[in-house]
PDB file of N, CA and C in Angstrom:
ATOM      1  N   UNK A   1     -36.620  45.789   7.211  1.00  0.00           N
ATOM      2  CA  UNK A   1     -35.731  47.216   7.614  1.00  0.00           C
ATOM      3  C   UNK A   1     -36.390  47.895   8.756  1.00  0.00           C
ATOM      4  N   UNK A   2     -35.308  48.276   9.736  1.00  0.00           N
ATOM      5  CA  UNK A   2     -35.763  48.677  10.966  1.00  0.00           C
ATOM      6  C   UNK A   2     -36.352  50.157  10.509  1.00  0.00           C
ATOM      7  N   UNK A   3     -37.573  50.470  10.953  1.00  0.00           N
ATOM      8  CA  UNK A   3     -38.276  51.878  10.771  1.00  0.00           C
ATOM      9  C   UNK A   3     -37.347  52.859  11.405  1.00  0.00           C
ATOM     10  N   UNK A   4     -36.410  52.493  12.217  1.00  0.00           N
ATOM     11  CA  UNK A   4     -35.790  53.760  12.654  1.00  0.00           C
ATOM     12  C   UNK A   4     -34.403  54.156  12.217  1.00  0.00           C
ATOM     13  N   UNK A   5     -34.170  53.002  11.342  1.00  0.00           N
ATOM     14  CA  UNK A   5     -32.807  53.196  10.255  1.00  0.00           C
ATOM     15  C   UNK A   5     -32.797  54.600   9.630  1.00  0.00           C
ATOM     16  N   UNK A   6     -31.730  55.261   9.498  1.00  0.00           N
ATOM     17  CA  UNK A   6     -31.795  56.292   8.515  1.00  0.00           C
ATOM     18  C   UNK A   6     -30.881  55.707   6.989  1.00  0.00           C
ATOM     19  N   UNK A   7     -31.175  56.357   6.112  1.00  0.00           N
ATOM     20  CA  UNK A   7     -30.675  55.920   4.781  1.00  0.00           C
ATOM     21  C   UNK A   7     -30.645  56.996   3.759  1.00  0.00           C
ATOM     22  N   UNK A   8     -29.822  57.059   2.886  1.00  0.00           N
ATOM     23  CA  UNK A   8     -29.915  58.118   1.987  1.00  0.00           C
ATOM     24  C   UNK A   8     -29.836  57.503   0.542  1.00  0.00           C
ATOM     25  N   UNK A   9     -30.181  58.276  -0.315  1.00  0.00           N
ATOM     26  CA  UNK A   9     -30.267  57.964  -1.661  1.00  0.00           C
ATOM     27  C   UNK A   9     -30.189  59.100  -2.737  1.00  0.00           C
ATOM     28  N   UNK A  10     -29.776  58.937  -3.671  1.00  0.00           N
ATOM     29  CA  UNK A  10     -29.793  60.129  -4.902  1.00  0.00           C
ATOM     30  C   UNK A  10     -30.404  59.646  -6.141  1.00  0.00           C
ATOM     31  N   UNK A  11     -30.890  60.637  -7.001  1.00  0.00           N
ATOM     32  CA  UNK A  11     -31.475  60.434  -8.172  1.00  0.00           C
ATOM     33  C   UNK A  11     -30.587  61.374  -9.201  1.00  0.00           C
ATOM     34  N   UNK A  12     -30.134  60.552 -10.035  1.00  0.00           N
ATOM     35  CA  UNK A  12     -29.157  61.322 -10.768  1.00  0.00           C
ATOM     36  C   UNK A  12     -29.682  62.547 -11.731  1.00  0.00           C
ATOM     37  N   UNK A  13     -29.343  63.127 -12.226  1.00  0.00           N
ATOM     38  CA  UNK A  13     -29.969  64.349 -13.112  1.00  0.00           C
ATOM     39  C   UNK A  13     -30.283  63.589 -14.345  1.00  0.00           C
ATOM     40  N   UNK A  14     -29.642  62.629 -14.986  1.00  0.00           N
ATOM     41  CA  UNK A  14     -29.881  61.887 -15.949  1.00  0.00           C
ATOM     42  C   UNK A  14     -31.329  60.816 -15.787  1.00  0.00           C
ATOM     43  N   UNK A  15     -31.112  60.472 -14.653  1.00  0.00           N
ATOM     44  CA  UNK A  15     -32.549  59.693 -14.305  1.00  0.00           C
ATOM     45  C   UNK A  15     -33.550  60.616 -14.411  1.00  0.00           C
ATOM     46  N   UNK A  16     -33.385  62.071 -13.325  1.00  0.00           N
ATOM     47  CA  UNK A  16     -34.455  62.722 -13.724  1.00  0.00           C
ATOM     48  C   UNK A  16     -34.969  63.295 -14.862  1.00  0.00           C
ATOM     49  N   UNK A  17     -33.870  63.654 -15.834  1.00  0.00           N
ATOM     50  CA  UNK A  17     -34.284  63.873 -17.194  1.00  0.00           C
ATOM     51  C   UNK A  17     -35.033  63.070 -17.980  1.00  0.00           C
ATOM     52  N   UNK A  18     -34.601  61.798 -17.902  1.00  0.00           N
ATOM     53  CA  UNK A  18     -35.428  60.535 -18.374  1.00  0.00           C
ATOM     54  C   UNK A  18     -36.969  60.584 -17.924  1.00  0.00           C
ATOM     55  N   UNK A  19     -36.859  60.737 -16.935  1.00  0.00           N
ATOM     56  CA  UNK A  19     -38.341  60.955 -16.202  1.00  0.00           C
ATOM     57  C   UNK A  19     -39.171  61.978 -16.916  1.00  0.00           C
ATOM     58  N   UNK A  20     -38.695  63.008 -16.835  1.00  0.00           N
ATOM     59  CA  UNK A  20     -39.423  64.216 -17.493  1.00  0.00           C
ATOM     60  C   UNK A  20     -39.971  64.255 -18.858  1.00  0.00           C
ATOM     61  N   UNK A  21     -38.838  63.607 -19.973  1.00  0.00           N
ATOM     62  CA  UNK A  21     -38.800  63.794 -21.022  1.00  0.00           C
ATOM     63  C   UNK A  21     -40.123  62.582 -21.466  1.00  0.00           C
ATOM     64  N   UNK A  22     -39.963  61.504 -20.579  1.00  0.00           N
ATOM     65  CA  UNK A  22     -41.014  60.294 -21.182  1.00  0.00           C
ATOM     66  C   UNK A  22     -42.303  60.506 -20.756  1.00  0.00           C
ATOM     67  N   UNK A  23     -42.473  61.374 -19.257  1.00  0.00           N
ATOM     68  CA  UNK A  23     -43.851  62.264 -19.095  1.00  0.00           C
ATOM     69  C   UNK A  23     -44.258  62.917 -20.105  1.00  0.00           C
ATOM     70  N   UNK A  24     -43.414  63.802 -20.686  1.00  0.00           N
ATOM     71  CA  UNK A  24     -43.951  65.012 -21.499  1.00  0.00           C
ATOM     72  C   UNK A  24     -44.356  64.559 -22.773  1.00  0.00           C
ATOM     73  N   UNK A  25     -43.498  63.285 -23.503  1.00  0.00           N
ATOM     74  CA  UNK A  25     -43.664  62.920 -24.727  1.00  0.00           C
ATOM     75  C   UNK A  25     -45.117  62.009 -24.599  1.00  0.00           C
ATOM     76  N   UNK A  26     -45.605  61.912 -23.290  1.00  0.00           N
ATOM     77  CA  UNK A  26     -47.057  60.828 -23.133  1.00  0.00           C
ATOM     78  C   UNK A  26     -48.413  62.244 -23.296  1.00  0.00           C
ATOM     79  N   UNK A  27     -47.938  63.369 -23.549  1.00  0.00           N
ATOM     80  CA  UNK A  27     -48.974  64.197 -23.284  1.00  0.00           C
ATOM     81  C   UNK A  27     -49.170  64.609 -25.017  1.00  0.00           C
ATOM     82  N   UNK A  28     -50.625  64.295 -25.327  1.00  0.00           N
ATOM     83  CA  UNK A  28     -51.266  64.301 -26.622  1.00  0.00           C
ATOM     84  C   UNK A  28     -51.079  65.874 -27.073  1.00  0.00           C
ATOM     85  N   UNK A  29     -50.432  66.067 -28.109  1.00  0.00           N
ATOM     86  CA  UNK A  29     -49.889  67.356 -28.845  1.00  0.00           C
ATOM     87  C   UNK A  29     -48.520  67.682 -28.600  1.00  0.00           C
ATOM     88  N   UNK A  30     -47.569  66.568 -28.047  1.00  0.00           N
ATOM     89  CA  UNK A  30     -46.123  66.816 -27.923  1.00  0.00           C
ATOM     90  C   UNK A  30     -45.731  65.968 -29.010  1.00  0.00           C
ATOM     91  N   UNK A  31     -44.924  66.286 -30.074  1.00  0.00           N
ATOM     92  CA  UNK A  31     -44.176  65.651 -30.763  1.00  0.00           C
ATOM     93  C   UNK A  31     -43.008  65.216 -30.507  1.00  0.00           C
ATOM     94  N   UNK A  32     -42.270  66.192 -29.787  1.00  0.00           N
ATOM     95  CA  UNK A  32     -41.045  65.955 -29.075  1.00  0.00           C
ATOM     96  C   UNK A  32     -40.627  66.833 -28.181  1.00  0.00           C
ATOM     97  N   UNK A  33     -39.690  66.239 -27.223  1.00  0.00           N
ATOM     98  CA  UNK A  33     -38.985  67.056 -26.418  1.00  0.00           C
ATOM     99  C   UNK A  33     -37.581  67.902 -26.859  1.00  0.00           C
ATOM    100  N   UNK A  34     -37.690  68.954 -27.300  1.00  0.00           N
ATOM    101  CA  UNK A  34     -36.255  69.443 -27.858  1.00  0.00           C
ATOM    102  C   UNK A  34     -35.220  69.767 -27.103  1.00  0.00           C
ATOM    103  N   UNK A  35     -35.583  69.946 -25.728  1.00  0.00           N
ATOM    104  CA  UNK A  35     -34.186  70.001 -24.687  1.00  0.00           C
ATOM    105  C   UNK A  35     -34.924  70.134 -23.482  1.00  0.00           C
ATOM    106  N   UNK A  36     -34.029  69.329 -22.505  1.00  0.00           N
ATOM    107  CA  UNK A  36     -34.554  68.989 -20.961  1.00  0.00           C
ATOM    108  C   UNK A  36     -33.214  69.530 -20.211  1.00  0.00           C
ATOM    109  N   UNK A  37     -33.711  70.504 -19.173  1.00  0.00           N
ATOM    110  CA  UNK A  37     -32.149  70.785 -18.470  1.00  0.00           C
ATOM    111  C   UNK A  37     -32.710  70.351 -16.969  1.00  0.00           C
ATOM    112  N   UNK A  38     -31.951  69.948 -16.089  1.00  0.00           N
ATOM    113  CA  UNK A  38     -32.321  69.673 -14.777  1.00  0.00           C
ATOM    114  C   UNK A  38     -31.191  70.205 -13.795  1.00  0.00           C
ATOM    115  N   UNK A  39     -31.775  71.018 -12.998  1.00  0.00           N
ATOM    116  CA  UNK A  39     -31.152  71.596 -11.702  1.00  0.00           C
ATOM    117  C   UNK A  39     -31.337  71.119 -10.308  1.00  0.00           C
ATOM    118  N   UNK A  40     -30.624  70.512  -9.683  1.00  0.00           N
ATOM    119  CA  UNK A  40     -31.067  70.060  -8.348  1.00  0.00           C
ATOM    120  C   UNK A  40     -30.147  70.742  -7.240  1.00  0.00           C
ATOM    121  N   UNK A  41     -30.959  71.563  -6.241  1.00  0.00           N
ATOM    122  CA  UNK A  41     -30.245  72.189  -5.102  1.00  0.00           C
ATOM    123  C   UNK A  41     -31.063  72.032  -3.862  1.00  0.00           C
ATOM    124  N   UNK A  42     -30.323  71.537  -2.857  1.00  0.00           N
ATOM    125  CA  UNK A  42     -30.843  71.274  -1.464  1.00  0.00           C
ATOM    126  C   UNK A  42     -32.108  70.358  -1.549  1.00  0.00           C
ATOM    127  N   UNK A  43     -32.226  69.459  -2.579  1.00  0.00           N
ATOM    128  CA  UNK A  43     -33.420  68.691  -2.558  1.00  0.00           C
ATOM    129  C   UNK A  43     -34.230  68.792  -3.430  1.00  0.00           C
ATOM    130  N   UNK A  44     -34.320  70.329  -4.002  1.00  0.00           N
ATOM    131  CA  UNK A  44     -35.389  70.619  -4.806  1.00  0.00           C
ATOM    132  C   UNK A  44     -34.988  70.752  -6.132  1.00  0.00           C
ATOM    133  N   UNK A  45     -36.106  70.332  -7.200  1.00  0.00           N
ATOM    134  CA  UNK A  45     -35.567  69.902  -8.563  1.00  0.00           C
ATOM    135  C   UNK A  45     -36.118  70.992  -9.411  1.00  0.00           C
ATOM    136  N   UNK A  46     -35.476  71.620 -10.379  1.00  0.00           N
ATOM    137  CA  UNK A  46     -35.976  72.705 -11.566  1.00  0.00           C
ATOM    138  C   UNK A  46     -35.935  71.800 -12.708  1.00  0.00           C
ATOM    139  N   UNK A  47     -36.863  72.081 -13.411  1.00  0.00           N
ATOM    140  CA  UNK A  47     -36.713  71.183 -14.801  1.00  0.00           C
ATOM    141  C   UNK A  47     -37.012  72.444 -15.767  1.00  0.00           C
ATOM    142  N   UNK A  48     -36.407  72.558 -16.932  1.00  0.00           N
ATOM    143  CA  UNK A  48     -36.466  73.265 -18.182  1.00  0.00           C
ATOM    144  C   UNK A  48     -36.835  72.333 -19.229  1.00  0.00           C
ATOM    145  N   UNK A  49     -37.944  72.323 -19.829  1.00  0.00           N
ATOM    146  CA  UNK A  49     -38.358  71.808 -21.095  1.00  0.00           C
ATOM    147  C   UNK A  49     -38.620  72.618 -22.213  1.00  0.00           C
ATOM    148  N   UNK A  50     -38.103  71.938 -23.236  1.00  0.00           N
ATOM    149  CA  UNK A  50     -38.282  72.728 -24.727  1.00  0.00           C
ATOM    150  C   UNK A  50     -39.159  71.675 -25.539  1.00  0.00           C
ATOM    151  N   UNK A  51     -40.309  71.895 -26.023  1.00  0.00           N
ATOM    152  CA  UNK A  51     -41.138  71.331 -26.736  1.00  0.00           C
ATOM    153  C   UNK A  51     -41.610  71.522 -28.194  1.00  0.00           C
ATOM    154  N   UNK A  52     -41.649  70.527 -28.853  1.00  0.00           N
ATOM    155  CA  UNK A  52     -42.324  70.910 -30.187  1.00  0.00           C
ATOM    156  C   UNK A  52     -43.610  70.376 -30.302  1.00  0.00           C
ATOM    157  N   UNK A  53     -44.499  70.966 -30.592  1.00  0.00           N
ATOM    158  CA  UNK A  53     -45.984  70.695 -30.158  1.00  0.00           C
ATOM    159  C   UNK A  53     -46.694  70.772 -31.996  1.00  0.00           C
ATOM    160  N   UNK A  54     -47.990  69.879 -31.893  1.00  0.00           N
ATOM    161  CA  UNK A  54     -48.661  70.010 -33.017  1.00  0.00           C
ATOM    162  C   UNK A  54     -49.379  71.290 -33.105  1.00  0.00           C
ATOM    163  N   UNK A  55     -49.305  71.756 -34.444  1.00  0.00           N
ATOM    164  CA  UNK A  55     -50.038  73.060 -34.615  1.00  0.00           C
ATOM    165  C   UNK A  55     -51.308  73.349 -34.559  1.00  0.00           C
ATOM    166  N   UNK A  56     -51.783  74.149 -33.942  1.00  0.00           N
ATOM    167  CA  UNK A  56     -53.472  74.127 -33.863  1.00  0.00           C
ATOM    168  C   UNK A  56     -54.027  73.616 -32.393  1.00  0.00           C
ATOM    169  N   UNK A  57     -52.901  73.064 -31.579  1.00  0.00           N
ATOM    170  CA  UNK A  57     -53.525  72.736 -30.103  1.00  0.00           C
ATOM    171  C   UNK A  57     -53.355  74.063 -29.214  1.00  0.00           C
ATOM    172  N   UNK A  58     -54.172  74.176 -28.200  1.00  0.00           N
ATOM    173  CA  UNK A  58     -53.941  75.173 -27.375  1.00  0.00           C
ATOM    174  C   UNK A  58     -52.963  75.117 -26.441  1.00  0.00           C
ATOM    175  N   UNK A  59     -51.766  76.214 -26.809  1.00  0.00           N
ATOM    176  CA  UNK A  59     -50.676  75.913 -26.170  1.00  0.00           C
ATOM    177  C   UNK A  59     -50.648  76.225 -24.647  1.00  0.00           C
ATOM    178  N   UNK A  60     -51.345  77.058 -24.173  1.00  0.00           N
ATOM    179  CA  UNK A  60     -51.337  77.427 -22.949  1.00  0.00           C
ATOM    180  C   UNK A  60     -51.958  76.064 -22.057  1.00  0.00           C
ATOM    181  N   UNK A  61     -52.998  75.405 -22.648  1.00  0.00           N
ATOM    182  CA  UNK A  61     -53.595  73.924 -21.840  1.00  0.00           C
ATOM    183  C   UNK A  61     -52.118  72.877 -22.363  1.00  0.00           C
ATOM    184  N   UNK A  62     -51.765  72.933 -23.396  1.00  0.00           N
ATOM    185  CA  UNK A  62     -50.643  71.896 -23.391  1.00  0.00           C
ATOM    186  C   UNK A  62     -49.594  72.021 -22.410  1.00  0.00           C
ATOM    187  N   UNK A  63     -49.116  73.248 -22.487  1.00  0.00           N
ATOM    188  CA  UNK A  63     -47.943  73.348 -21.227  1.00  0.00           C
ATOM    189  C   UNK A  63     -48.423  73.276 -19.836  1.00  0.00           C
ATOM    190  N   UNK A  64     -49.643  73.413 -19.433  1.00  0.00           N
ATOM    191  CA  UNK A  64     -50.170  73.224 -18.092  1.00  0.00           C
ATOM    192  C   UNK A  64     -50.349  71.545 -18.218  1.00  0.00           C
ATOM    193  N   UNK A  65     -50.834  70.971 -19.059  1.00  0.00           N
ATOM    194  CA  UNK A  65     -50.622  69.487 -19.273  1.00  0.00           C
ATOM    195  C   UNK A  65     -49.320  68.815 -19.103  1.00  0.00           C
ATOM    196  N   UNK A  66     -48.328  69.275 -19.851  1.00  0.00           N
ATOM    197  CA  UNK A  66     -47.198  69.114 -19.481  1.00  0.00           C
ATOM    198  C   UNK A  66     -46.541  68.870 -18.278  1.00  0.00           C
ATOM    199  N   UNK A  67     -46.715  70.259 -17.816  1.00  0.00           N
ATOM    200  CA  UNK A  67     -46.310  70.649 -16.459  1.00  0.00           C
ATOM    201  C   UNK A  67     -46.859  69.727 -15.382  1.00  0.00           C
ATOM    202  N   UNK A  68     -48.255  69.250 -15.344  1.00  0.00           N
ATOM    203  CA  UNK A  68     -49.018  68.276 -14.583  1.00  0.00           C
ATOM    204  C   UNK A  68     -48.413  67.138 -14.532  1.00  0.00           C
ATOM    205  N   UNK A  69     -48.321  66.552 -15.708  1.00  0.00           N
ATOM    206  CA  UNK A  69     -47.881  65.119 -16.017  1.00  0.00           C
ATOM    207  C   UNK A  69     -46.568  64.877 -15.586  1.00  0.00           C
ATOM    208  N   UNK A  70     -45.520  65.745 -16.038  1.00  0.00           N
ATOM    209  CA  UNK A  70     -44.225  65.745 -15.474  1.00  0.00           C
ATOM    210  C   UNK A  70     -44.171  65.536 -14.045  1.00  0.00           C
ATOM    211  N   UNK A  71     -44.742  66.657 -13.548  1.00  0.00           N
ATOM    212  CA  UNK A  71     -44.779  66.514 -11.948  1.00  0.00           C
ATOM    213  C   UNK A  71     -45.070  65.612 -11.254  1.00  0.00           C
ATOM    214  N   UNK A  72     -46.330  64.964 -11.822  1.00  0.00           N
ATOM    215  CA  UNK A  72     -46.786  63.676 -11.212  1.00  0.00           C
ATOM    216  C   UNK A  72     -45.758  62.783 -11.409  1.00  0.00           C
ATOM    217  N   UNK A  73     -44.917  62.579 -12.427  1.00  0.00           N
ATOM    218  CA  UNK A  73     -44.163  61.525 -12.385  1.00  0.00           C
ATOM    219  C   UNK A  73     -42.778  61.457 -11.768  1.00  0.00           C
ATOM    220  N   UNK A  74     -42.360  62.844 -11.663  1.00  0.00           N
ATOM    221  CA  UNK A  74     -41.131  63.116 -10.857  1.00  0.00           C
ATOM    222  C   UNK A  74     -41.637  63.038  -9.251  1.00  0.00           C
ATOM    223  N   UNK A  75     -42.678  63.425  -8.811  1.00  0.00           N
ATOM    224  CA  UNK A  75     -42.957  63.511  -7.492  1.00  0.00           C
ATOM    225  C   UNK A  75     -43.344  61.664  -7.120  1.00  0.00           C
ATOM    226  N   UNK A  76     -43.928  61.054  -7.964  1.00  0.00           N
ATOM    227  CA  UNK A  76     -44.032  59.557  -7.863  1.00  0.00           C
ATOM    228  C   UNK A  76     -42.978  58.810  -7.708  1.00  0.00           C
ATOM    229  N   UNK A  77     -41.477  59.363  -8.687  1.00  0.00           N
ATOM    230  CA  UNK A  77     -40.528  58.215  -8.806  1.00  0.00           C
ATOM    231  C   UNK A  77     -39.254  58.884  -7.929  1.00  0.00           C
ATOM    232  N   UNK A  78     -39.300  60.435  -7.478  1.00  0.00           N
ATOM    233  CA  UNK A  78     -38.138  60.940  -7.046  1.00  0.00           C
ATOM    234  C   UNK A  78     -38.543  61.531  -5.750  1.00  0.00           C
ATOM    235  N   UNK A  79     -39.582  61.911  -5.466  1.00  0.00           N
ATOM    236  CA  UNK A  79     -40.356  62.579  -4.209  1.00  0.00           C
ATOM    237  C   UNK A  79     -39.001  63.621  -3.805  1.00  0.00           C
ATOM    238  N   UNK A  80     -38.931  64.761  -4.877  1.00  0.00           N
ATOM    239  CA  UNK A  80     -38.149  65.885  -4.424  1.00  0.00           C
ATOM    240  C   UNK A  80     -38.771  66.760  -3.184  1.00  0.00           C
ATOM    241  N   UNK A  81     -38.003  67.727  -2.557  1.00  0.00           N
ATOM    242  CA  UNK A  81     -38.268  68.392  -1.454  1.00  0.00           C
ATOM    243  C   UNK A  81     -39.243  69.353  -2.193  1.00  0.00           C
ATOM    244  N   UNK A  82     -38.958  70.099  -3.279  1.00  0.00           N
ATOM    245  CA  UNK A  82     -39.675  71.186  -4.249  1.00  0.00           C
ATOM    246  C   UNK A  82     -39.271  70.603  -5.481  1.00  0.00           C
ATOM    247  N   UNK A  83     -40.136  71.090  -6.303  1.00  0.00           N
ATOM    248  CA  UNK A  83     -40.236  70.961  -7.824  1.00  0.00           C
ATOM    249  C   UNK A  83     -40.599  72.250  -8.597  1.00  0.00           C
ATOM    250  N   UNK A  84     -39.968  72.662  -9.366  1.00  0.00           N
ATOM    251  CA  UNK A  84     -40.248  73.654 -10.787  1.00  0.00           C
ATOM    252  C   UNK A  84     -39.952  73.380 -11.827  1.00  0.00           C
ATOM    253  N   UNK A  85     -41.052  73.369 -12.602  1.00  0.00           N
ATOM    254  CA  UNK A  85     -41.216  72.973 -14.095  1.00  0.00           C
ATOM    255  C   UNK A  85     -41.643  74.129 -14.852  1.00  0.00           C
ATOM    256  N   UNK A  86     -40.689  74.471 -16.043  1.00  0.00           N
ATOM    257  CA  UNK A  86     -40.895  75.381 -16.948  1.00  0.00           C
ATOM    258  C   UNK A  86     -40.595  74.959 -18.302  1.00  0.00           C
ATOM    259  N   UNK A  87     -41.816  75.164 -19.011  1.00  0.00           N
ATOM    260  CA  UNK A  87     -42.247  74.641 -20.574  1.00  0.00           C
ATOM    261  C   UNK A  87     -42.147  75.892 -21.484  1.00  0.00           C
ATOM    262  N   UNK A  88     -41.234  75.618 -22.428  1.00  0.00           N
ATOM    263  CA  UNK A  88     -41.339  76.406 -23.726  1.00  0.00           C
ATOM    264  C   UNK A  88     -41.698  75.787 -24.743  1.00  0.00           C
ATOM    265  N   UNK A  89     -42.469  76.271 -25.331  1.00  0.00           N
ATOM    266  CA  UNK A  89     -43.080  75.413 -26.967  1.00  0.00           C
ATOM    267  C   UNK A  89     -41.918  76.163 -27.756  1.00  0.00           C
ATOM    268  N   UNK A  90     -41.048  75.536 -27.991  1.00  0.00           N
ATOM    269  CA  UNK A  90     -39.989  76.010 -29.412  1.00  0.00           C
ATOM    270  C   UNK A  90     -40.187  75.843 -30.656  1.00  0.00           C
ATOM    271  N   UNK A  91     -41.136  74.861 -30.906  1.00  0.00           N
ATOM    272  CA  UNK A  91     -41.635  74.892 -32.221  1.00  0.00           C
ATOM    273  C   UNK A  91     -42.873  74.194 -32.293  1.00  0.00           C
ATOM    274  N   UNK A  92     -43.491  74.429 -33.632  1.00  0.00           N
ATOM    275  CA  UNK A  92     -44.862  73.588 -34.148  1.00  0.00           C
ATOM    276  C   UNK A  92     -44.628  73.019 -35.588  1.00  0.00           C
ATOM    277  N   UNK A  93     -45.382  71.695 -35.574  1.00  0.00           N
ATOM    278  CA  UNK A  93     -45.386  70.961 -36.634  1.00  0.00           C
ATOM    279  C   UNK A  93     -46.816  70.851 -37.067  1.00  0.00           C
ATOM    280  N   UNK A  94     -46.904  70.276 -38.367  1.00  0.00           N
ATOM    281  CA  UNK A  94     -48.197  70.293 -38.718  1.00  0.00           C
ATOM    282  C   UNK A  94     -48.874  69.037 -38.190  1.00  0.00           C
ATOM    283  N   UNK A  95     -50.212  68.856 -38.139  1.00  0.00           N
ATOM    284  CA  UNK A  95     -50.470  67.437 -37.872  1.00  0.00           C
ATOM    285  C   UNK A  95     -50.612  66.606 -38.541  1.00  0.00           C
ATOM    286  N   UNK A  96     -50.416  65.468 -38.362  1.00  0.00           N
ATOM    287  CA  UNK A  96     -50.400  64.228 -39.562  1.00  0.00           C
ATOM    288  C   UNK A  96     -51.543  64.148 -40.291  1.00  0.00           C
ATOM    289  N   UNK A  97     -51.272  63.876 -41.739  1.00  0.00           N
ATOM    290  CA  UNK A  97     -52.559  63.678 -42.322  1.00  0.00           C
ATOM    291  C   UNK A  97     -53.161  62.636 -42.170  1.00  0.00           C
ATOM    292  N   UNK A  98     -54.581  62.875 -42.110  1.00  0.00           N
ATOM    293  CA  UNK A  98     -55.405  61.451 -42.056  1.00  0.00           C
ATOM    294  C   UNK A  98     -55.746  60.720 -43.054  1.00  0.00           C
TER     295      UNK A  98
END
């Protein structure tokens, strides 16, 4: 492909949602993604994640880890112009019995 050629592509909201949900679920302490909304405007992506977490984990650190992991995945796969990720811990569950 010629380096001077212009081309365009788009990443659907569904694909962005799948990237975000998969990345968030990979973070230790997350048991489920309860909701995920995506908004794209002028190439910038806004994600709103609702999370079910394990009782007893540091929720502040968990939310930051989710943001970092999700941002990395979305940046690597979709390369948006801007990215805003909001995490809400919506529910807690007891840790699994040993």
